[in-house]
Amino acid sequence: MLNKTRTQSVCPNQMDQSNQLVRKKLRQTPGSSTFLSWDFFNLLMKELFKILRTEKMDVTLMDCDETFKLFLRKIGFQQYIQKFLHPEWGLTLPVVMYNRDEDYFEALESPLYPICRFFNRVPPQLSQGFNCI
């Protein structure tokens, strides 16, 4: 069940814009798998990062396909152990992102840098429910 605060913090206009963007950016490749454009994936990661920072998550761990390696590195993820073979998903790359590492985001010229900088400077009580940068 969704938390009421989270449900109320989303602007209906933003949801409509997001839905339109999803429809525009989703495409089917000849192999019938869904392809997301890098612009859309970048936007998605920014929105996810805002949620992570609002919820005071300091570290993000995830596995990904080798296809996303360069993009994830550019936004701030780092590989933390060797790739491994997952029984269902195949070759998997484990990555980590330190959500408060402003210097690292700045050095990478990450699109997440302005968001990180904002959350590192705003008192925690003011960043609650923040959803637009």
Protein backbone atom coordinates (compact mmCIF):
# COMPACT_ATOMS: atom_id res chain seq x y z
CA MET A 1 0.00 0.00 0.00
CA LEU A 2 1.33 3.44 -0.88
CA ASN A 3 2.20 5.97 1.78
CA LYS A 4 -0.32 8.87 1.68
CA THR A 5 2.44 11.50 1.77
CA ARG A 6 4.10 10.07 -1.32
CA THR A 7 0.82 9.86 -3.18
CA GLN A 8 0.00 13.49 -2.43
CA SER A 9 3.48 14.80 -3.32
CA VAL A 10 3.10 13.84 -7.01
CA CYS A 11 1.59 16.58 -9.18
CA PRO A 12 -1.09 15.28 -11.60
CA ASN A 13 0.40 17.47 -14.35
CA GLN A 14 3.82 15.84 -13.81
CA MET A 15 2.26 12.37 -13.99
CA ASP A 16 0.57 13.22 -17.31
CA GLN A 17 3.85 14.57 -18.69
CA SER A 18 5.72 11.49 -17.48
CA ASN A 19 3.15 9.15 -19.05
CA GLN A 20 3.37 11.02 -22.36
CA LEU A 21 7.17 10.83 -22.23
CA VAL A 22 7.05 7.10 -21.54
CA ARG A 23 4.81 6.54 -24.55
CA LYS A 24 7.10 8.61 -26.78
CA LYS A 25 10.34 7.00 -25.59
CA LEU A 26 9.33 3.34 -25.50
CA ARG A 27 10.07 1.58 -28.76
CA GLN A 28 10.15 -2.03 -29.85
CA THR A 29 13.40 -3.33 -31.29
CA PRO A 30 13.35 -5.97 -34.05
CA GLY A 31 14.10 -8.59 -31.38
CA SER A 32 10.79 -7.63 -29.69
CA SER A 33 12.48 -6.41 -26.49
CA THR A 34 11.67 -2.98 -25.14
CA PHE A 35 14.24 -0.26 -25.80
CA LEU A 36 14.43 2.86 -23.66
CA SER A 37 16.24 5.87 -25.06
CA TRP A 38 19.18 7.18 -23.06
CA ASP A 39 17.35 10.49 -22.52
CA PHE A 40 14.44 8.69 -20.94
CA PHE A 41 16.72 6.47 -18.83
CA ASN A 42 18.59 9.59 -17.67
CA LEU A 43 15.32 11.25 -16.66
CA LEU A 44 14.20 8.08 -14.89
CA MET A 45 17.47 7.89 -12.91
CA LYS A 46 17.17 11.55 -11.86
CA GLU A 47 13.66 10.97 -10.52
CA LEU A 48 14.76 7.79 -8.75
CA PHE A 49 17.74 9.63 -7.25
CA LYS A 50 15.44 12.35 -5.86
CA ILE A 51 13.36 9.67 -4.17
CA LEU A 52 16.46 7.94 -2.76
CA ARG A 53 17.79 11.19 -1.33
CA THR A 54 14.39 12.24 0.06
CA GLU A 55 14.20 8.85 1.80
CA LYS A 56 17.77 9.36 3.13
CA MET A 57 19.26 6.40 1.27
CA ASP A 58 23.06 6.79 1.27
CA VAL A 59 23.99 3.85 -0.95
CA THR A 60 22.35 2.34 -4.03
CA LEU A 61 23.19 -1.25 -4.99
CA MET A 62 21.97 -2.88 -8.16
CA ASP A 63 22.76 -5.50 -10.78
CA CYS A 64 22.59 -4.63 -14.44
CA ASP A 65 23.18 -5.97 -17.89
CA GLU A 66 26.54 -5.13 -19.52
CA THR A 67 24.59 -2.93 -21.97
CA PHE A 68 24.06 -0.26 -19.28
CA LYS A 69 27.63 -0.24 -17.96
CA LEU A 70 28.83 2.99 -19.62
CA PHE A 71 25.67 4.92 -18.87
CA LEU A 72 25.61 3.84 -15.23
CA ARG A 73 29.26 4.75 -14.85
CA LYS A 74 28.56 8.21 -16.31
CA ILE A 75 25.79 8.95 -13.83
CA GLY A 76 27.78 7.76 -10.81
CA PHE A 77 27.65 3.98 -10.37
CA GLN A 78 30.83 1.96 -9.84
CA GLN A 79 31.40 -1.76 -10.25
CA TYR A 80 32.16 -3.19 -6.81
CA ILE A 81 32.78 -6.89 -7.52
CA GLN A 82 33.39 -9.03 -10.60
CA LYS A 83 30.57 -9.84 -12.99
CA PHE A 84 28.73 -13.05 -12.24
CA LEU A 85 26.46 -15.44 -14.04
CA HIS A 86 22.91 -15.21 -12.69
CA PRO A 87 20.87 -18.41 -13.29
CA GLU A 88 17.90 -16.48 -14.76
CA TRP A 89 19.37 -13.24 -16.16
CA GLY A 90 22.75 -14.34 -17.47
CA LEU A 91 25.92 -12.27 -17.09
CA THR A 92 25.27 -9.59 -14.46
CA LEU A 93 27.29 -6.55 -13.42
CA PRO A 94 26.94 -5.55 -9.73
CA VAL A 95 27.22 -1.77 -9.24
CA VAL A 96 27.09 0.66 -6.32
CA MET A 97 26.44 4.39 -6.08
CA TYR A 98 27.27 6.49 -3.02
CA ASN A 99 24.35 8.92 -3.05
CA ARG A 100 26.05 11.65 -0.98
CA ASP A 101 29.39 11.72 -2.83
CA GLU A 102 29.06 15.19 -4.32
CA ASP A 103 32.75 15.42 -5.31
CA TYR A 104 32.52 12.20 -7.32
CA PHE A 105 29.35 13.31 -9.12
CA GLU A 106 30.96 16.66 -9.92
CA ALA A 107 34.17 15.04 -11.24
CA LEU A 108 32.11 12.78 -13.52
CA GLU A 109 29.92 15.69 -14.66
CA SER A 110 27.04 13.43 -13.68
CA PRO A 111 23.50 14.61 -14.41
CA LEU A 112 22.82 13.70 -10.75
CA TYR A 113 25.33 16.27 -9.45
CA PRO A 114 22.85 19.19 -9.10
CA ILE A 115 20.42 16.98 -7.20
CA CYS A 116 23.17 15.66 -4.92
CA ARG A 117 24.41 19.19 -4.30
CA PHE A 118 20.91 20.39 -3.43
CA PHE A 119 20.27 17.59 -0.91
CA ASN A 120 23.72 17.97 0.65
CA ARG A 121 23.05 21.66 1.34
CA VAL A 122 19.39 21.73 2.34
CA PRO A 123 18.51 20.91 5.95
CA PRO A 124 16.88 17.45 6.10
CA GLN A 125 13.50 18.74 7.31
CA LEU A 126 13.22 21.00 4.23
CA SER A 127 14.02 18.27 1.69
CA GLN A 128 11.08 16.07 2.77
CA GLY A 129 8.56 15.66 -0.03
CA PHE A 130 10.73 17.55 -2.51
CA ASN A 131 10.00 16.34 -6.04
CA CYS A 132 11.06 19.04 -8.52
CA ILE A 133 14.51 20.44 -9.37
